[in-house]
Amino acid sequence: MATFNKFNSFVEALAEKVHNLQADTLKVVLTNSAPSAANTVLADITQIANGNGYTTGGAQATQVSSAQGGGTYKLVLNDVAFTASGGSLGTFRYAVLYNDTAASDELIAWWDYGTSLTITNGNSFTVDLDAANGVLTIA
């Protein structure tokens, strides 16, 4: 299971209305360079090369639900799949969630898979965004 990590700037950006998690377009990009909690925008992330099934800017993480109950907000997103086509896709170790609607593509969180991965031609990799517990909760 990949380890979830929040970017420090996400907390401030949330408080200052940069993110509307219910309405904004959220995307996942892949990188083999370790993100830092101090990173703030997508330009701080070195994505894997465009091509063979990967598009610079990543893939959209569509929303399942965005709601609160009992004072705890939970964001649930559909999993995001990347499929290698025309050659291998990668190498990557990290999946990064960011807000593509925000003016500077503000970062939200990243997952560390613990080792570098390559998706060989015709195979897929799915970023599991935890349908049961949600991507994140705010209490």
Protein backbone atom coordinates (compact mmCIF):
# COMPACT_ATOMS: atom_id res chain seq x y z
CA MET A 1 0.00 0.00 0.00
CA ALA A 2 1.29 3.41 -0.93
CA THR A 3 1.94 5.98 1.77
CA PHE A 4 -0.22 9.16 1.70
CA ASN A 5 1.54 12.50 2.29
CA LYS A 6 -0.03 15.97 2.37
CA PHE A 7 1.71 19.04 0.97
CA ASN A 8 2.00 21.66 3.73
CA SER A 9 0.65 24.43 1.50
CA PHE A 10 -2.62 22.52 0.99
CA VAL A 11 -3.83 23.53 4.46
CA GLU A 12 -3.32 27.24 3.83
CA ALA A 13 -4.69 27.04 0.28
CA LEU A 14 -7.82 25.32 1.60
CA ALA A 15 -8.31 28.00 4.26
CA GLU A 16 -7.82 30.78 1.70
CA LYS A 17 -10.38 29.42 -0.81
CA VAL A 18 -7.88 28.23 -3.43
CA HIS A 19 -9.53 24.79 -3.46
CA ASN A 20 -13.17 23.91 -3.97
CA LEU A 21 -12.82 20.15 -3.63
CA GLN A 22 -16.43 19.57 -4.65
CA ALA A 23 -16.20 21.43 -7.96
CA ASP A 24 -12.55 21.77 -9.06
CA THR A 25 -10.83 19.42 -11.51
CA LEU A 26 -8.33 17.27 -9.63
CA LYS A 27 -5.62 15.33 -11.47
CA VAL A 28 -2.88 12.82 -10.73
CA VAL A 29 0.62 13.03 -12.21
CA LEU A 30 3.48 10.55 -11.95
CA THR A 31 7.05 11.38 -10.97
CA ASN A 32 10.23 9.54 -10.04
CA SER A 33 11.59 12.55 -8.15
CA ALA A 34 10.70 12.65 -4.46
CA PRO A 35 8.18 15.41 -3.71
CA SER A 36 8.81 17.59 -0.67
CA ALA A 37 6.12 18.62 1.80
CA ALA A 38 7.32 22.18 1.06
CA ASN A 39 6.36 21.96 -2.66
CA THR A 40 3.37 24.16 -3.50
CA VAL A 41 2.50 24.01 -7.23
CA LEU A 42 2.68 21.50 -10.07
CA ALA A 43 5.69 23.31 -11.56
CA ASP A 44 7.65 22.08 -8.50
CA ILE A 45 7.13 18.45 -9.63
CA THR A 46 9.25 16.77 -12.32
CA GLN A 47 6.80 14.57 -14.19
CA ILE A 48 7.73 11.45 -16.12
CA ALA A 49 8.18 11.87 -19.88
CA ASN A 50 5.16 12.53 -22.04
CA GLY A 51 4.24 9.60 -24.30
CA ASN A 52 3.57 5.86 -24.33
CA GLY A 53 0.23 6.41 -22.57
CA TYR A 54 1.24 9.25 -20.26
CA THR A 55 0.19 12.83 -20.93
CA THR A 56 1.99 15.72 -19.25
CA GLY A 57 -0.43 17.08 -16.68
CA GLY A 58 -1.64 13.62 -15.74
CA ALA A 59 -5.11 12.11 -15.65
CA GLN A 60 -8.29 13.38 -14.04
CA ALA A 61 -9.45 11.92 -10.72
CA THR A 62 -13.22 12.14 -11.03
CA GLN A 63 -15.25 12.75 -7.93
CA VAL A 64 -17.51 10.13 -6.32
CA SER A 65 -18.56 12.25 -3.34
CA SER A 66 -17.65 15.36 -1.39
CA ALA A 67 -19.60 15.64 1.84
CA GLN A 68 -19.47 15.99 5.60
CA GLY A 69 -21.19 13.97 8.27
CA GLY A 70 -20.97 14.58 11.99
CA GLY A 71 -18.45 17.36 11.46
CA THR A 72 -16.02 15.29 9.36
CA TYR A 73 -15.62 16.04 5.64
CA LYS A 74 -14.62 13.21 3.31
CA LEU A 75 -13.50 13.46 -0.33
CA VAL A 76 -13.92 10.28 -2.38
CA LEU A 77 -12.42 10.10 -5.89
CA ASN A 78 -12.45 7.34 -8.49
CA ASP A 79 -9.21 5.46 -8.99
CA VAL A 80 -6.94 6.73 -11.76
CA ALA A 81 -5.45 4.24 -14.23
CA PHE A 82 -2.46 4.73 -16.50
CA THR A 83 -1.95 2.28 -19.40
CA ALA A 84 1.30 1.92 -21.31
CA SER A 85 0.81 2.01 -25.08
CA GLY A 86 3.51 1.98 -27.75
CA GLY A 87 6.25 1.29 -25.21
CA SER A 88 6.92 1.33 -21.50
CA LEU A 89 5.60 4.09 -19.27
CA GLY A 90 7.69 5.25 -16.35
CA THR A 91 9.89 4.97 -14.36
CA PHE A 92 8.00 6.49 -11.40
CA ARG A 93 7.69 6.04 -7.65
CA TYR A 94 5.24 8.78 -6.68
CA ALA A 95 1.70 9.75 -7.68
CA VAL A 96 0.82 13.40 -7.02
CA LEU A 97 -2.70 14.83 -6.64
CA TYR A 98 -3.14 18.47 -7.62
CA ASN A 99 -5.86 21.00 -8.39
CA ASP A 100 -5.92 21.69 -12.13
CA THR A 101 -8.63 24.37 -11.74
CA ALA A 102 -6.55 26.50 -9.37
CA ALA A 103 -4.60 29.22 -11.17
CA SER A 104 -1.16 27.84 -10.27
CA ASP A 105 -2.11 24.12 -10.20
CA GLU A 106 -1.75 23.92 -6.41
CA LEU A 107 -0.62 20.61 -4.95
CA ILE A 108 -2.73 18.58 -2.52
CA ALA A 109 -0.98 15.30 -1.67
CA TRP A 110 1.24 12.51 -2.93
CA TRP A 111 1.62 8.75 -2.51
CA ASP A 112 4.97 7.00 -2.18
CA TYR A 113 4.99 3.47 -3.60
CA GLY A 114 8.30 2.66 -1.89
CA THR A 115 10.12 1.63 -5.07
CA SER A 116 10.38 2.81 -8.66
CA LEU A 117 7.89 1.23 -11.06
CA THR A 118 7.69 0.85 -14.84
CA ILE A 119 4.51 -0.04 -16.71
CA THR A 120 5.37 -2.23 -19.67
CA ASN A 121 3.58 -1.90 -23.01
CA GLY A 122 -0.05 -3.03 -22.81
CA ASN A 123 -0.17 -3.10 -19.00
CA SER A 124 -1.85 -0.71 -16.58
CA PHE A 125 -1.17 0.80 -13.18
CA THR A 126 -4.00 2.03 -10.97
CA VAL A 127 -3.63 4.73 -8.35
CA ASP A 128 -6.00 3.44 -5.64
CA LEU A 129 -7.78 6.45 -4.18
CA ASP A 130 -9.48 4.48 -1.36
CA ALA A 131 -13.22 4.46 -2.03
CA ALA A 132 -14.00 3.39 1.55
CA ASN A 133 -12.00 5.94 3.54
CA GLY A 134 -11.71 8.66 0.90
CA VAL A 135 -8.66 10.43 -0.41
CA LEU A 136 -8.72 12.70 2.62
CA THR A 137 -10.83 13.66 5.58
CA ILE A 138 -11.01 16.95 7.43
CA ALA A 139 -12.35 17.00 10.97
